[in-house]
N, C-alpha and C. Protein backbone atom coordinates (compact mmCIF):
# COMPACT_ATOMS: atom_id res chain seq x y z
N MET A 1 102.16 99.96 111.51
CA MET A 1 102.39 98.81 110.65
C MET A 1 101.10 98.35 109.99
N ARG A 2 99.98 98.46 110.68
CA ARG A 2 98.69 98.07 110.09
C ARG A 2 98.36 98.98 108.90
N ILE A 3 98.62 100.26 109.06
CA ILE A 3 98.35 101.20 107.96
C ILE A 3 99.28 100.89 106.78
N ALA A 4 100.53 100.61 107.05
CA ALA A 4 101.47 100.29 105.98
C ALA A 4 101.05 99.00 105.26
N ARG A 5 100.63 97.99 106.02
CA ARG A 5 100.19 96.74 105.39
C ARG A 5 98.97 96.98 104.51
N ALA A 6 98.03 97.79 105.00
CA ALA A 6 96.82 98.10 104.21
C ALA A 6 97.20 98.84 102.93
N ALA A 7 98.12 99.80 103.03
CA ALA A 7 98.55 100.55 101.85
C ALA A 7 99.20 99.63 100.84
N SER A 8 99.98 98.66 101.33
CA SER A 8 100.65 97.72 100.45
C SER A 8 99.65 96.79 99.77
N LEU A 9 98.69 96.27 100.53
CA LEU A 9 97.68 95.36 99.98
C LEU A 9 96.84 96.05 98.91
N MET A 10 96.56 97.34 99.12
CA MET A 10 95.75 98.08 98.15
C MET A 10 96.58 98.72 97.04
N ASN A 11 97.93 98.53 97.13
CA ASN A 11 98.84 99.08 96.14
C ASN A 11 98.64 100.59 95.97
N LEU A 12 98.53 101.30 97.09
CA LEU A 12 98.27 102.73 97.06
C LEU A 12 99.52 103.51 96.63
N GLU A 13 99.31 104.49 95.78
CA GLU A 13 100.39 105.37 95.36
C GLU A 13 100.46 106.63 96.21
N ASN A 14 99.34 106.99 96.86
CA ASN A 14 99.25 108.18 97.70
C ASN A 14 98.49 107.83 98.96
N VAL A 15 99.02 108.24 100.10
CA VAL A 15 98.37 107.97 101.39
C VAL A 15 98.32 109.27 102.20
N ILE A 16 97.14 109.56 102.73
CA ILE A 16 96.98 110.71 103.62
C ILE A 16 96.79 110.20 105.04
N VAL A 17 97.64 110.64 105.93
CA VAL A 17 97.59 110.20 107.33
C VAL A 17 97.06 111.35 108.17
N THR A 18 95.98 111.11 108.89
CA THR A 18 95.42 112.14 109.76
C THR A 18 94.85 111.49 111.01
N SER A 19 94.36 112.30 111.91
CA SER A 19 93.75 111.79 113.14
C SER A 19 92.92 112.90 113.76
N VAL A 20 92.14 112.53 114.74
CA VAL A 20 91.50 113.56 115.57
C VAL A 20 92.61 114.30 116.32
N THR A 21 92.32 115.50 116.78
CA THR A 21 93.30 116.25 117.57
C THR A 21 93.58 115.52 118.87
N ARG A 22 94.85 115.21 119.11
CA ARG A 22 95.23 114.46 120.31
C ARG A 22 95.88 115.38 121.33
N ASP A 23 95.08 116.34 121.82
CA ASP A 23 95.63 117.26 122.82
C ASP A 23 95.70 116.61 124.20
N ASP A 24 95.31 115.33 124.29
CA ASP A 24 95.50 114.58 125.53
C ASP A 24 96.91 114.03 125.63
N LEU A 25 97.66 114.10 124.53
CA LEU A 25 99.03 113.59 124.51
C LEU A 25 100.02 114.75 124.54
N ARG A 26 101.12 114.54 125.24
CA ARG A 26 102.12 115.61 125.39
C ARG A 26 102.64 116.10 124.03
N ASP A 27 102.82 115.17 123.07
CA ASP A 27 103.37 115.54 121.76
C ASP A 27 102.28 115.77 120.72
N GLY A 28 101.02 115.76 121.14
CA GLY A 28 99.91 115.97 120.21
C GLY A 28 99.75 114.86 119.19
N GLY A 29 100.39 113.72 119.43
CA GLY A 29 100.33 112.60 118.50
C GLY A 29 101.43 112.61 117.46
N ALA A 30 102.42 113.49 117.62
CA ALA A 30 103.48 113.63 116.62
C ALA A 30 104.24 112.34 116.37
N HIS A 31 104.56 111.61 117.44
CA HIS A 31 105.34 110.38 117.26
C HIS A 31 104.52 109.31 116.54
N ALA A 32 103.22 109.28 116.77
CA ALA A 32 102.36 108.32 116.05
C ALA A 32 102.34 108.66 114.55
N PHE A 33 102.24 109.96 114.23
CA PHE A 33 102.32 110.36 112.83
C PHE A 33 103.66 109.93 112.22
N ALA A 34 104.74 110.22 112.94
CA ALA A 34 106.08 109.93 112.42
C ALA A 34 106.30 108.44 112.21
N GLU A 35 105.90 107.62 113.16
CA GLU A 35 106.08 106.17 113.03
C GLU A 35 105.27 105.64 111.85
N THR A 36 104.10 106.19 111.63
CA THR A 36 103.27 105.75 110.50
C THR A 36 103.93 106.11 109.18
N VAL A 37 104.45 107.34 109.09
CA VAL A 37 105.16 107.74 107.87
C VAL A 37 106.35 106.82 107.63
N ARG A 38 107.14 106.54 108.66
CA ARG A 38 108.32 105.69 108.49
C ARG A 38 107.93 104.28 108.05
N ALA A 39 106.84 103.76 108.60
CA ALA A 39 106.38 102.43 108.20
C ALA A 39 105.99 102.42 106.72
N LEU A 40 105.32 103.46 106.27
CA LEU A 40 104.94 103.55 104.86
C LEU A 40 106.16 103.68 103.96
N LYS A 41 107.18 104.40 104.41
CA LYS A 41 108.37 104.62 103.61
C LYS A 41 109.25 103.37 103.54
N ARG A 42 109.04 102.41 104.45
CA ARG A 42 109.81 101.16 104.41
C ARG A 42 109.22 100.14 103.43
N LEU A 43 108.06 100.42 102.87
CA LEU A 43 107.45 99.49 101.92
C LEU A 43 108.30 99.36 100.66
N GLU A 44 108.15 98.23 99.97
CA GLU A 44 108.92 98.00 98.74
C GLU A 44 108.64 99.08 97.70
N ASN A 45 107.36 99.47 97.59
CA ASN A 45 106.97 100.58 96.71
C ASN A 45 106.31 101.65 97.56
N PRO A 46 107.12 102.48 98.21
CA PRO A 46 106.55 103.46 99.14
C PRO A 46 105.67 104.49 98.44
N PRO A 47 104.53 104.81 99.03
CA PRO A 47 103.64 105.81 98.43
C PRO A 47 104.10 107.23 98.75
N VAL A 48 103.54 108.18 98.02
CA VAL A 48 103.65 109.59 98.41
C VAL A 48 102.81 109.75 99.66
N VAL A 49 103.38 110.36 100.69
CA VAL A 49 102.68 110.48 101.97
C VAL A 49 102.40 111.94 102.30
N GLU A 50 101.15 112.21 102.60
CA GLU A 50 100.73 113.50 103.14
C GLU A 50 100.30 113.28 104.58
N VAL A 51 100.72 114.18 105.47
CA VAL A 51 100.21 114.16 106.84
C VAL A 51 99.35 115.40 107.03
N LEU A 52 98.12 115.18 107.46
CA LEU A 52 97.19 116.27 107.76
C LEU A 52 97.15 116.39 109.27
N VAL A 53 97.84 117.39 109.80
CA VAL A 53 98.13 117.45 111.23
C VAL A 53 97.35 118.55 111.94
N PRO A 54 97.18 118.41 113.26
CA PRO A 54 96.65 119.51 114.06
C PRO A 54 97.74 120.57 114.25
N ASP A 55 97.46 121.60 115.03
CA ASP A 55 98.48 122.65 115.20
C ASP A 55 99.48 122.34 116.32
N PHE A 56 99.33 121.20 116.98
CA PHE A 56 100.23 120.77 118.05
C PHE A 56 100.38 121.83 119.13
N GLY A 57 99.37 122.71 119.26
CA GLY A 57 99.44 123.77 120.25
C GLY A 57 100.59 124.73 120.01
N GLY A 58 101.09 124.74 118.77
CA GLY A 58 102.22 125.61 118.44
C GLY A 58 103.57 125.03 118.81
N ASP A 59 103.63 123.76 119.21
CA ASP A 59 104.88 123.12 119.64
C ASP A 59 105.72 122.72 118.42
N LEU A 60 106.81 123.44 118.18
CA LEU A 60 107.64 123.19 117.01
C LEU A 60 108.42 121.89 117.12
N GLU A 61 108.69 121.44 118.32
CA GLU A 61 109.39 120.16 118.50
C GLU A 61 108.53 119.02 117.94
N SER A 62 107.23 119.06 118.22
CA SER A 62 106.33 118.03 117.70
C SER A 62 106.25 118.11 116.18
N LEU A 63 106.18 119.31 115.65
CA LEU A 63 106.16 119.50 114.20
C LEU A 63 107.43 118.93 113.57
N ALA A 64 108.58 119.20 114.18
CA ALA A 64 109.86 118.72 113.66
C ALA A 64 109.93 117.19 113.64
N VAL A 65 109.36 116.55 114.65
CA VAL A 65 109.33 115.09 114.72
C VAL A 65 108.60 114.52 113.51
N VAL A 66 107.46 115.11 113.17
CA VAL A 66 106.68 114.65 112.02
C VAL A 66 107.45 114.88 110.72
N LEU A 67 108.00 116.06 110.55
CA LEU A 67 108.71 116.40 109.32
C LEU A 67 109.96 115.54 109.13
N ALA A 68 110.62 115.17 110.21
CA ALA A 68 111.84 114.35 110.12
C ALA A 68 111.55 112.96 109.57
N ALA A 69 110.31 112.51 109.66
CA ALA A 69 109.95 111.19 109.15
C ALA A 69 109.88 111.16 107.63
N GLY A 70 109.83 112.32 106.99
CA GLY A 70 109.93 112.39 105.54
C GLY A 70 108.66 112.39 104.72
N PRO A 71 107.53 112.94 105.23
CA PRO A 71 106.36 113.04 104.35
C PRO A 71 106.63 114.03 103.22
N GLU A 72 106.07 113.75 102.06
CA GLU A 72 106.24 114.70 100.94
C GLU A 72 105.41 115.95 101.14
N ILE A 73 104.25 115.80 101.80
CA ILE A 73 103.32 116.92 101.97
C ILE A 73 102.92 117.02 103.43
N ILE A 74 102.93 118.24 103.96
CA ILE A 74 102.36 118.48 105.28
C ILE A 74 101.18 119.44 105.12
N SER A 75 100.05 119.02 105.65
CA SER A 75 98.81 119.80 105.55
C SER A 75 98.34 120.21 106.94
N HIS A 76 97.84 121.42 106.99
CA HIS A 76 97.14 121.88 108.18
C HIS A 76 96.08 122.86 107.69
N ASN A 77 94.83 122.59 108.01
CA ASN A 77 93.74 123.37 107.45
C ASN A 77 93.36 124.56 108.33
N VAL A 78 93.40 125.76 107.74
CA VAL A 78 92.93 126.92 108.49
C VAL A 78 91.41 126.95 108.56
N GLU A 79 90.75 126.35 107.58
CA GLU A 79 89.30 126.16 107.51
C GLU A 79 88.48 127.41 107.20
N THR A 80 88.77 128.51 107.90
CA THR A 80 87.93 129.70 107.72
C THR A 80 88.75 130.98 107.87
N VAL A 81 88.09 132.11 107.70
CA VAL A 81 88.77 133.40 107.75
C VAL A 81 88.99 133.83 109.21
N ARG A 82 89.90 134.77 109.39
CA ARG A 82 90.29 135.19 110.75
C ARG A 82 89.08 135.58 111.62
N ARG A 83 88.17 136.40 111.08
CA ARG A 83 87.05 136.93 111.88
C ARG A 83 86.16 135.83 112.45
N LEU A 84 86.04 134.71 111.75
CA LEU A 84 85.11 133.66 112.16
C LEU A 84 85.74 132.60 113.05
N TYR A 85 87.04 132.72 113.33
CA TYR A 85 87.72 131.67 114.10
C TYR A 85 87.08 131.43 115.46
N ALA A 86 86.76 132.48 116.16
CA ALA A 86 86.22 132.32 117.52
C ALA A 86 84.91 131.54 117.52
N THR A 87 84.17 131.62 116.43
CA THR A 87 82.89 130.91 116.33
C THR A 87 83.05 129.54 115.71
N VAL A 88 83.80 129.46 114.63
CA VAL A 88 83.90 128.24 113.84
C VAL A 88 84.94 127.27 114.38
N ARG A 89 86.06 127.80 114.90
CA ARG A 89 87.16 126.94 115.34
C ARG A 89 87.54 127.24 116.78
N LYS A 90 86.59 127.03 117.68
CA LYS A 90 86.84 127.29 119.10
C LYS A 90 88.02 126.44 119.58
N GLY A 91 88.93 127.09 120.28
CA GLY A 91 90.11 126.40 120.79
C GLY A 91 91.29 126.46 119.82
N ALA A 92 91.03 126.82 118.58
CA ALA A 92 92.11 126.97 117.61
C ALA A 92 92.49 128.45 117.51
N ASP A 93 93.58 128.73 116.83
CA ASP A 93 94.07 130.09 116.71
C ASP A 93 94.59 130.31 115.28
N TYR A 94 94.05 131.29 114.61
CA TYR A 94 94.38 131.56 113.20
C TYR A 94 95.87 131.78 113.02
N ASP A 95 96.46 132.64 113.83
CA ASP A 95 97.88 132.95 113.68
C ASP A 95 98.76 131.76 114.02
N ARG A 96 98.33 130.94 114.97
CA ARG A 96 99.10 129.74 115.31
C ARG A 96 99.11 128.75 114.13
N SER A 97 97.97 128.66 113.43
CA SER A 97 97.91 127.79 112.25
C SER A 97 98.85 128.29 111.16
N LEU A 98 98.84 129.59 110.92
CA LEU A 98 99.75 130.17 109.93
C LEU A 98 101.21 129.95 110.33
N PHE A 99 101.49 130.09 111.61
CA PHE A 99 102.84 129.89 112.15
C PHE A 99 103.31 128.46 111.88
N LEU A 100 102.45 127.49 112.15
CA LEU A 100 102.81 126.09 111.94
C LEU A 100 103.15 125.83 110.47
N LEU A 101 102.36 126.40 109.57
CA LEU A 101 102.60 126.20 108.14
C LEU A 101 103.91 126.85 107.70
N SER A 102 104.16 128.08 108.15
CA SER A 102 105.39 128.77 107.74
C SER A 102 106.62 128.10 108.33
N GLU A 103 106.53 127.64 109.57
CA GLU A 103 107.67 126.98 110.22
C GLU A 103 107.98 125.65 109.56
N SER A 104 106.98 125.00 108.98
CA SER A 104 107.22 123.73 108.29
C SER A 104 108.26 123.90 107.19
N LYS A 105 108.17 125.01 106.47
CA LYS A 105 109.13 125.29 105.40
C LYS A 105 110.52 125.62 105.94
N LEU A 106 110.58 126.25 107.10
CA LEU A 106 111.87 126.58 107.69
C LEU A 106 112.55 125.33 108.23
N ILE A 107 111.75 124.43 108.80
CA ILE A 107 112.31 123.19 109.35
C ILE A 107 112.74 122.25 108.23
N ARG A 108 111.91 122.15 107.19
CA ARG A 108 112.22 121.25 106.06
C ARG A 108 111.83 121.95 104.76
N PRO A 109 112.74 122.72 104.19
CA PRO A 109 112.41 123.56 103.02
C PRO A 109 111.80 122.82 101.84
N GLY A 110 112.15 121.56 101.64
CA GLY A 110 111.66 120.83 100.47
C GLY A 110 110.25 120.28 100.59
N VAL A 111 109.67 120.34 101.77
CA VAL A 111 108.33 119.77 101.95
C VAL A 111 107.28 120.65 101.26
N ILE A 112 106.25 120.00 100.70
CA ILE A 112 105.13 120.73 100.12
C ILE A 112 104.14 121.04 101.23
N THR A 113 103.73 122.30 101.34
CA THR A 113 102.77 122.70 102.37
C THR A 113 101.41 122.93 101.73
N LYS A 114 100.37 122.61 102.50
CA LYS A 114 99.02 122.64 101.94
C LYS A 114 98.04 123.04 103.03
N SER A 115 96.97 123.76 102.63
CA SER A 115 95.93 124.13 103.56
C SER A 115 94.59 124.17 102.83
N SER A 116 93.53 124.38 103.62
CA SER A 116 92.19 124.32 103.05
C SER A 116 91.27 125.33 103.71
N LEU A 117 90.34 125.84 102.92
CA LEU A 117 89.28 126.72 103.42
C LEU A 117 87.93 126.14 103.02
N ILE A 118 86.93 126.30 103.89
CA ILE A 118 85.56 125.97 103.54
C ILE A 118 84.75 127.26 103.58
N LEU A 119 83.94 127.46 102.55
CA LEU A 119 83.18 128.70 102.41
C LEU A 119 81.70 128.46 102.68
N GLY A 120 80.99 129.56 102.94
CA GLY A 120 79.56 129.48 103.21
C GLY A 120 79.21 129.68 104.66
N LEU A 121 80.19 130.18 105.43
CA LEU A 121 80.00 130.38 106.87
C LEU A 121 79.73 131.84 107.23
N GLY A 122 79.63 132.70 106.21
CA GLY A 122 79.38 134.12 106.47
C GLY A 122 80.56 135.01 106.16
N GLU A 123 81.60 134.44 105.57
CA GLU A 123 82.79 135.21 105.21
C GLU A 123 82.51 136.12 104.01
N THR A 124 83.25 137.20 103.90
CA THR A 124 83.13 138.08 102.73
C THR A 124 84.21 137.70 101.71
N THR A 125 84.03 138.17 100.49
CA THR A 125 85.01 137.91 99.44
C THR A 125 86.38 138.44 99.83
N GLU A 126 86.43 139.66 100.36
CA GLU A 126 87.72 140.24 100.73
C GLU A 126 88.37 139.44 101.86
N GLU A 127 87.58 138.92 102.79
CA GLU A 127 88.15 138.10 103.86
C GLU A 127 88.75 136.81 103.31
N VAL A 128 88.11 136.22 102.31
CA VAL A 128 88.65 135.02 101.69
C VAL A 128 89.97 135.34 101.00
N LEU A 129 90.01 136.43 100.25
CA LEU A 129 91.24 136.82 99.57
C LEU A 129 92.35 137.14 100.56
N GLU A 130 91.98 137.75 101.67
CA GLU A 130 92.98 138.04 102.70
C GLU A 130 93.53 136.75 103.30
N ALA A 131 92.67 135.75 103.49
CA ALA A 131 93.14 134.44 103.98
C ALA A 131 94.10 133.81 102.97
N PHE A 132 93.78 133.93 101.68
CA PHE A 132 94.69 133.44 100.64
C PHE A 132 96.05 134.13 100.78
N ARG A 133 96.02 135.45 100.94
CA ARG A 133 97.29 136.20 101.04
C ARG A 133 98.06 135.78 102.29
N ASP A 134 97.35 135.59 103.40
CA ASP A 134 98.01 135.13 104.64
C ASP A 134 98.68 133.78 104.43
N LEU A 135 97.99 132.88 103.73
CA LEU A 135 98.55 131.55 103.49
C LEU A 135 99.78 131.62 102.58
N ARG A 136 99.74 132.47 101.56
CA ARG A 136 100.91 132.61 100.71
C ARG A 136 102.08 133.22 101.47
N ARG A 137 101.79 134.21 102.33
CA ARG A 137 102.87 134.80 103.14
C ARG A 137 103.46 133.77 104.10
N SER A 138 102.69 132.74 104.39
CA SER A 138 103.14 131.66 105.28
C SER A 138 103.75 130.50 104.50
N SER A 139 104.06 130.75 103.23
CA SER A 139 104.74 129.79 102.36
C SER A 139 103.93 128.54 102.05
N VAL A 140 102.61 128.68 102.00
CA VAL A 140 101.76 127.54 101.63
C VAL A 140 101.80 127.37 100.11
N ASP A 141 102.04 126.14 99.68
CA ASP A 141 102.17 125.83 98.25
C ASP A 141 100.84 125.52 97.59
N CYS A 142 100.02 124.71 98.25
CA CYS A 142 98.81 124.18 97.64
C CYS A 142 97.59 124.50 98.50
N LEU A 143 96.46 124.70 97.82
CA LEU A 143 95.25 125.15 98.50
C LEU A 143 94.04 124.41 97.96
N THR A 144 93.13 124.02 98.86
CA THR A 144 91.82 123.53 98.45
C THR A 144 90.76 124.43 99.06
N VAL A 145 89.69 124.67 98.29
CA VAL A 145 88.61 125.55 98.73
C VAL A 145 87.29 124.85 98.41
N GLY A 146 86.47 124.62 99.43
CA GLY A 146 85.21 123.91 99.23
C GLY A 146 84.04 124.58 99.92
N GLN A 147 82.88 124.01 99.74
CA GLN A 147 81.63 124.50 100.34
C GLN A 147 81.40 123.83 101.69
N TYR A 148 81.08 124.63 102.70
CA TYR A 148 80.70 124.07 104.00
C TYR A 148 79.35 123.38 103.88
N MET A 149 79.28 122.15 104.38
CA MET A 149 78.04 121.39 104.45
C MET A 149 77.77 121.07 105.92
N ARG A 150 76.62 121.41 106.40
CA ARG A 150 76.31 121.20 107.82
C ARG A 150 76.20 119.69 108.11
N PRO A 151 77.10 119.16 108.94
CA PRO A 151 77.10 117.71 109.17
C PRO A 151 75.97 117.21 110.07
N GLY A 152 75.40 118.10 110.87
CA GLY A 152 74.33 117.68 111.78
C GLY A 152 73.62 118.88 112.36
N ILE A 153 72.48 118.62 112.99
CA ILE A 153 71.64 119.73 113.48
C ILE A 153 72.33 120.53 114.58
N GLY A 154 73.29 119.93 115.25
CA GLY A 154 73.99 120.63 116.33
C GLY A 154 75.13 121.50 115.86
N GLN A 155 75.44 121.46 114.56
CA GLN A 155 76.56 122.22 114.03
C GLN A 155 76.11 123.58 113.47
N ILE A 156 77.09 124.41 113.16
CA ILE A 156 76.84 125.74 112.63
C ILE A 156 76.04 125.64 111.33
N ARG A 157 75.10 126.55 111.16
CA ARG A 157 74.28 126.57 109.95
C ARG A 157 75.07 127.09 108.75
N VAL A 158 74.69 126.61 107.58
CA VAL A 158 75.23 127.16 106.33
C VAL A 158 74.64 128.55 106.14
N ARG A 159 75.50 129.53 105.93
CA ARG A 159 75.02 130.90 105.71
C ARG A 159 74.78 131.18 104.23
N SER A 160 75.52 130.51 103.35
CA SER A 160 75.34 130.72 101.91
C SER A 160 75.92 129.55 101.14
N TYR A 161 75.35 129.29 99.98
CA TYR A 161 75.88 128.30 99.06
C TYR A 161 76.56 129.05 97.91
N ILE A 162 77.82 128.74 97.70
CA ILE A 162 78.63 129.45 96.71
C ILE A 162 78.48 128.76 95.35
N PRO A 163 78.13 129.49 94.29
CA PRO A 163 77.97 128.86 92.97
C PRO A 163 79.31 128.39 92.41
N PRO A 164 79.29 127.33 91.59
CA PRO A 164 80.54 126.78 91.03
C PRO A 164 81.40 127.82 90.33
N GLU A 165 80.77 128.75 89.60
CA GLU A 165 81.57 129.74 88.88
C GLU A 165 82.32 130.68 89.83
N ARG A 166 81.78 130.87 91.02
CA ARG A 166 82.49 131.69 92.01
C ARG A 166 83.72 130.95 92.52
N PHE A 167 83.62 129.64 92.70
CA PHE A 167 84.79 128.85 93.07
C PHE A 167 85.85 128.92 91.98
N ASP A 168 85.41 128.90 90.72
CA ASP A 168 86.37 129.04 89.62
C ASP A 168 87.11 130.37 89.72
N TRP A 169 86.37 131.43 90.07
CA TRP A 169 86.99 132.76 90.22
C TRP A 169 87.99 132.76 91.37
N PHE A 170 87.61 132.15 92.50
CA PHE A 170 88.53 132.08 93.65
C PHE A 170 89.80 131.30 93.27
N ARG A 171 89.63 130.23 92.50
CA ARG A 171 90.79 129.45 92.07
C ARG A 171 91.75 130.32 91.25
N GLU A 172 91.22 131.06 90.32
CA GLU A 172 92.07 131.91 89.49
C GLU A 172 92.76 132.99 90.31
N GLU A 173 92.05 133.56 91.27
CA GLU A 173 92.65 134.57 92.14
C GLU A 173 93.79 133.97 92.96
N ALA A 174 93.57 132.77 93.48
CA ALA A 174 94.59 132.11 94.29
C ALA A 174 95.82 131.77 93.45
N LEU A 175 95.60 131.26 92.26
CA LEU A 175 96.74 130.94 91.38
C LEU A 175 97.54 132.19 91.04
N ALA A 176 96.83 133.30 90.84
CA ALA A 176 97.50 134.57 90.53
C ALA A 176 98.37 135.05 91.69
N MET A 177 98.04 134.61 92.90
CA MET A 177 98.84 134.98 94.08
C MET A 177 100.10 134.12 94.21
N GLY A 178 100.19 133.07 93.41
CA GLY A 178 101.41 132.27 93.42
C GLY A 178 101.30 130.88 94.01
N PHE A 179 100.08 130.42 94.33
CA PHE A 179 99.96 129.04 94.80
C PHE A 179 100.40 128.08 93.69
N ARG A 180 101.04 127.02 94.08
CA ARG A 180 101.53 126.02 93.14
C ARG A 180 100.39 125.26 92.48
N ASP A 181 99.36 124.96 93.23
CA ASP A 181 98.17 124.31 92.70
C ASP A 181 96.99 124.63 93.59
N VAL A 182 95.80 124.72 92.99
CA VAL A 182 94.58 125.05 93.73
C VAL A 182 93.44 124.20 93.19
N ALA A 183 92.71 123.57 94.09
CA ALA A 183 91.46 122.89 93.73
C ALA A 183 90.34 123.63 94.45
N ALA A 184 89.32 124.06 93.69
CA ALA A 184 88.22 124.83 94.29
C ALA A 184 86.91 124.42 93.65
N GLY A 185 85.92 124.15 94.47
CA GLY A 185 84.61 123.77 93.97
C GLY A 185 83.72 123.35 95.12
N PRO A 186 82.41 123.29 94.91
CA PRO A 186 81.49 122.98 96.00
C PRO A 186 81.79 121.66 96.72
N LEU A 187 82.25 120.65 96.00
CA LEU A 187 82.49 119.34 96.60
C LEU A 187 83.95 119.07 96.90
N VAL A 188 84.80 120.06 96.73
CA VAL A 188 86.23 119.89 97.01
C VAL A 188 86.44 119.79 98.52
N ARG A 189 87.28 118.85 98.92
CA ARG A 189 87.68 118.72 100.32
C ARG A 189 89.20 118.72 100.39
N SER A 190 89.74 118.73 101.60
CA SER A 190 91.18 118.95 101.76
C SER A 190 92.03 117.85 101.13
N SER A 191 91.48 116.67 100.94
CA SER A 191 92.26 115.59 100.32
C SER A 191 91.88 115.37 98.86
N TYR A 192 91.23 116.34 98.24
CA TYR A 192 90.70 116.22 96.89
C TYR A 192 91.80 116.03 95.85
N GLN A 193 91.68 114.95 95.07
CA GLN A 193 92.60 114.66 93.96
C GLN A 193 94.05 114.91 94.35
N GLU A 194 94.48 114.23 95.38
CA GLU A 194 95.80 114.47 95.96
C GLU A 194 96.94 114.38 94.94
N VAL A 195 96.84 113.46 94.00
CA VAL A 195 97.97 113.28 93.07
C VAL A 195 98.19 114.50 92.20
N ARG A 196 97.22 115.37 92.07
CA ARG A 196 97.37 116.56 91.23
C ARG A 196 97.97 117.74 91.99
N LEU A 197 97.87 117.72 93.30
CA LEU A 197 98.24 118.91 94.05
C LEU A 197 99.72 118.96 94.37
N GLY A 198 100.44 119.75 93.60
CA GLY A 198 101.84 120.03 93.91
C GLY A 198 102.81 118.94 93.53
N LEU A 199 102.35 117.87 92.89
CA LEU A 199 103.24 116.74 92.63
C LEU A 199 103.49 116.54 91.14
N GLN A 200 103.07 117.49 90.32
CA GLN A 200 103.28 117.33 88.88
C GLN A 200 104.70 117.69 88.50
């Protein structure tokens, strides 16, 4: 209700709901996501709602709870290519992330699915393109691609900085694969220009 009141006071047209991974909870936080979506949808002028969710440990019941609340967009970020998962996303699983995204469409066919990659971690061009293909095979509609920025000295180092024109090339390649919309650039993040992604 606090989030819904804030959205109403700010007259927001688009709201992205996310959280830290709640693997301390049996449902991974699914019911909290769902209640927040429902509260937003009860507003007099309900916004477009995106939920940026964890993988719920692969639990489809938790995923279904979130989708039943009626968000227009469900996002789950794969973040990096398959080879780098063990280093970059310890505790996560590449195939489980793809599974969650593909199952979202089976559970609720009308929902827009979205994911994100960050580059500069040592991935190759072919690995990035393969990740794009994996996401399309998993029925992902929208994609964001950005540059990894090291948040602190304890985090993984940046292996390379990708020039803007290379991001433009990746965007064109992704669109050619059939993504509904793609935002790609050094400063692009998973919530970048939400109103443009898949809602035109």
